[in-house]
Amino acid sequence: MASEKARRTWALVLSAIAPGTGLVLLRREWLGLAIALLFALVAQLALWGLFIVPDVIPQWLSVCSALIAGAVWLGGWPLVLARIRNVLGPEATSGFSLLCQRARDALEQRQFAQARDLLRLAFSINDEDIEVHYLMARLMTVVGNRREATKAWERVLKLNPDDRRLREAIETVEKLSD
């Protein structure tokens, strides 16, 4: 709980400094990078045109760049706030946990189609959650989809799981690679 509150706070602080950086912290790396790069480019052009070399860069271009930088900065806020609400909000967290539990139960009861559907729904909510990737890797292993299982277990390894899952992931990837 404390780490979620810290992530939320840092995401807001970083977004106030430079738009997009809070999204990177919230595991939306490519979207955050694109917003940060766009902001950096237009803000640099505005700074150069307004303060550093105003005689070289036309004033209309400098003003337009400043307006676009402001729009990018303001436009980044709804994305960060929506991501915080969808991933770190209390109702999202409890609903997401319930969804993962239902997928786990369906997997244990060998209702693979239902488990797959629930996991796809969970991915649409948070595609960076370790539990969802772990359950998908187990599902793909059980149904015998070797290619997808290998990819899923490799993703579990990338997301830094706890020791039990790490051992299982390594053993499973090694078996599938043979």
Protein backbone atom coordinates (compact mmCIF):
# COMPACT_ATOMS: atom_id res chain seq x y z
CA MET A 1 0.00 0.00 0.00
CA ALA A 2 2.78 2.43 0.91
CA SER A 3 4.65 1.66 -2.31
CA GLU A 4 1.50 2.36 -4.34
CA LYS A 5 1.08 5.69 -2.60
CA ALA A 6 4.75 6.50 -3.25
CA ARG A 7 4.42 5.54 -6.93
CA ARG A 8 1.33 7.73 -7.23
CA THR A 9 3.08 10.68 -5.59
CA TRP A 10 6.25 10.32 -7.67
CA ALA A 11 4.24 9.99 -10.87
CA LEU A 12 2.47 13.26 -10.11
CA VAL A 13 5.69 15.06 -9.15
CA LEU A 14 7.54 13.86 -12.24
CA SER A 15 4.60 14.78 -14.49
CA ALA A 16 4.61 18.30 -13.06
CA ILE A 17 8.29 18.67 -13.96
CA ALA A 18 8.17 17.07 -17.40
CA PRO A 19 5.07 15.53 -18.98
CA GLY A 20 5.34 11.87 -19.84
CA THR A 21 7.83 10.98 -17.14
CA GLY A 22 5.06 10.00 -14.72
CA LEU A 23 3.68 7.62 -17.32
CA VAL A 24 7.08 5.98 -17.63
CA LEU A 25 7.05 5.36 -13.88
CA LEU A 26 3.54 3.89 -14.20
CA ARG A 27 4.77 1.35 -16.79
CA ARG A 28 3.54 3.16 -19.90
CA GLU A 29 7.06 3.61 -21.20
CA TRP A 30 6.45 4.24 -24.89
CA LEU A 31 3.56 6.63 -24.41
CA GLY A 32 5.49 8.50 -21.73
CA LEU A 33 8.60 8.68 -23.88
CA ALA A 34 6.64 10.01 -26.86
CA ILE A 35 4.99 12.72 -24.76
CA ALA A 36 8.28 13.66 -23.09
CA LEU A 37 10.09 13.90 -26.45
CA LEU A 38 7.35 15.99 -28.03
CA PHE A 39 7.33 18.34 -25.05
CA ALA A 40 11.13 18.62 -25.03
CA LEU A 41 11.28 19.44 -28.74
CA VAL A 42 8.60 22.13 -28.79
CA ALA A 43 9.65 23.60 -25.44
CA GLN A 44 13.27 23.88 -26.64
CA LEU A 45 12.15 25.60 -29.82
CA ALA A 46 10.01 28.00 -27.79
CA LEU A 47 12.86 28.78 -25.37
CA TRP A 48 15.35 29.37 -28.16
CA GLY A 49 12.93 31.53 -30.11
CA LEU A 50 11.69 33.59 -27.19
CA PHE A 51 14.83 34.04 -25.08
CA ILE A 52 18.07 32.81 -26.63
CA VAL A 53 18.05 33.81 -30.31
CA PRO A 54 14.80 35.70 -30.91
CA ASP A 55 16.18 37.41 -34.01
CA VAL A 56 16.82 34.10 -35.79
CA ILE A 57 13.60 32.19 -35.09
CA PRO A 58 10.35 33.85 -36.23
CA GLN A 59 8.19 35.02 -33.35
CA TRP A 60 5.10 33.20 -34.65
CA LEU A 61 7.02 29.92 -34.56
CA SER A 62 8.21 30.58 -31.01
CA VAL A 63 4.71 31.44 -29.80
CA CYS A 64 3.19 28.41 -31.55
CA SER A 65 5.87 26.18 -30.02
CA ALA A 66 5.15 27.58 -26.56
CA LEU A 67 1.42 26.99 -27.01
CA ILE A 68 2.01 23.44 -28.21
CA ALA A 69 4.35 22.77 -25.26
CA GLY A 70 1.66 24.04 -22.90
CA ALA A 71 -0.96 21.88 -24.59
CA VAL A 72 1.28 18.80 -24.33
CA TRP A 73 1.94 19.55 -20.65
CA LEU A 74 -1.77 19.97 -19.94
CA GLY A 75 -2.73 17.02 -22.14
CA GLY A 76 -0.40 14.70 -20.26
CA TRP A 77 -2.24 15.15 -16.98
CA PRO A 78 -5.44 13.30 -17.88
CA LEU A 79 -3.36 10.34 -19.07
CA VAL A 80 -1.39 10.16 -15.81
CA LEU A 81 -4.48 10.61 -13.65
CA ALA A 82 -6.40 7.97 -15.62
CA ARG A 83 -3.49 5.53 -15.30
CA ILE A 84 -3.30 6.15 -11.55
CA ARG A 85 -7.05 5.67 -11.19
CA ASN A 86 -7.14 2.53 -13.38
CA VAL A 87 -4.12 0.79 -11.88
CA LEU A 88 -3.48 2.19 -8.41
CA GLY A 89 -6.96 3.26 -7.31
CA PRO A 90 -8.54 1.30 -4.44
CA GLU A 91 -11.60 0.15 -6.40
CA ALA A 92 -9.45 -0.83 -9.38
CA THR A 93 -7.09 -2.78 -7.16
CA SER A 94 -9.85 -4.74 -5.43
CA GLY A 95 -11.73 -5.43 -8.70
CA PHE A 96 -8.53 -6.45 -10.44
CA SER A 97 -7.64 -8.80 -7.57
CA LEU A 98 -11.08 -10.40 -7.81
CA LEU A 99 -10.64 -10.83 -11.57
CA CYS A 100 -7.27 -12.53 -11.07
CA GLN A 101 -8.74 -14.79 -8.39
CA ARG A 102 -11.56 -15.84 -10.73
CA ALA A 103 -9.02 -16.58 -13.49
CA ARG A 104 -6.93 -18.62 -11.04
CA ASP A 105 -10.03 -20.58 -9.94
CA ALA A 106 -11.03 -21.24 -13.57
CA LEU A 107 -7.51 -22.47 -14.31
CA GLU A 108 -7.55 -24.81 -11.31
CA GLN A 109 -10.97 -26.15 -12.34
CA ARG A 110 -9.58 -26.75 -15.84
CA GLN A 111 -12.00 -24.28 -17.45
CA PHE A 112 -9.37 -23.04 -19.86
CA ALA A 113 -11.58 -20.96 -22.15
CA GLN A 114 -13.02 -19.06 -19.20
CA ALA A 115 -9.55 -18.56 -17.70
CA ARG A 116 -8.27 -17.23 -21.02
CA ASP A 117 -11.16 -14.78 -21.31
CA LEU A 118 -10.69 -13.53 -17.76
CA LEU A 119 -6.95 -13.11 -18.30
CA ARG A 120 -7.52 -11.18 -21.52
CA LEU A 121 -9.83 -8.86 -19.61
CA ALA A 122 -7.20 -8.49 -16.90
CA PHE A 123 -4.58 -7.65 -19.55
CA SER A 124 -6.83 -4.91 -20.89
CA ILE A 125 -6.88 -3.35 -17.41
CA ASN A 126 -3.21 -3.78 -16.49
CA ASP A 127 -0.87 -5.49 -18.91
CA GLU A 128 2.14 -5.12 -16.59
CA ASP A 129 0.83 -7.07 -13.63
CA ILE A 130 3.05 -10.00 -12.66
CA GLU A 131 0.12 -12.12 -11.47
CA VAL A 132 -1.68 -11.88 -14.81
CA HIS A 133 1.46 -12.84 -16.74
CA TYR A 134 2.11 -15.72 -14.34
CA LEU A 135 -1.42 -17.07 -14.76
CA MET A 136 -1.24 -16.70 -18.54
CA ALA A 137 2.08 -18.57 -18.58
CA ARG A 138 0.56 -21.39 -16.54
CA LEU A 139 -2.48 -21.50 -18.83
CA MET A 140 -0.39 -21.63 -22.00
CA THR A 141 1.77 -24.37 -20.46
CA VAL A 142 -1.24 -26.46 -19.43
CA VAL A 143 -2.97 -26.20 -22.82
CA GLY A 144 0.28 -27.08 -24.58
CA ASN A 145 0.86 -23.90 -26.57
CA ARG A 146 4.67 -24.06 -26.41
CA ARG A 147 5.45 -20.88 -28.31
CA GLU A 148 3.05 -18.71 -26.31
CA ALA A 149 4.02 -20.42 -23.05
CA THR A 150 7.70 -19.70 -23.65
CA LYS A 151 6.96 -16.04 -24.38
CA ALA A 152 4.76 -15.79 -21.31
CA TRP A 153 7.33 -17.37 -18.99
CA GLU A 154 10.04 -15.09 -20.36
CA ARG A 155 7.81 -12.10 -19.59
CA VAL A 156 7.33 -13.41 -16.05
CA LEU A 157 11.10 -13.54 -15.69
CA LYS A 158 11.39 -9.95 -16.93
CA LEU A 159 8.86 -8.61 -14.44
CA ASN A 160 11.02 -9.71 -11.48
CA PRO A 161 8.84 -12.28 -9.72
CA ASP A 162 9.36 -13.75 -6.28
CA ASP A 163 11.61 -16.79 -5.81
CA ARG A 164 8.91 -19.48 -6.15
CA ARG A 165 7.68 -18.15 -9.47
CA LEU A 166 11.20 -17.49 -10.69
CA ARG A 167 12.21 -21.11 -10.12
CA GLU A 168 9.04 -22.37 -11.81
CA ALA A 169 9.52 -20.00 -14.75
CA ILE A 170 13.13 -21.00 -15.28
CA GLU A 171 12.33 -24.72 -15.09
CA THR A 172 9.38 -24.37 -17.46
CA VAL A 173 11.27 -22.29 -20.03
CA GLU A 174 14.10 -24.84 -19.96
CA LYS A 175 11.66 -27.73 -20.50
CA LEU A 176 9.93 -25.91 -23.35
CA SER A 177 13.23 -25.05 -25.03
CA ASP A 178 14.27 -28.72 -25.26
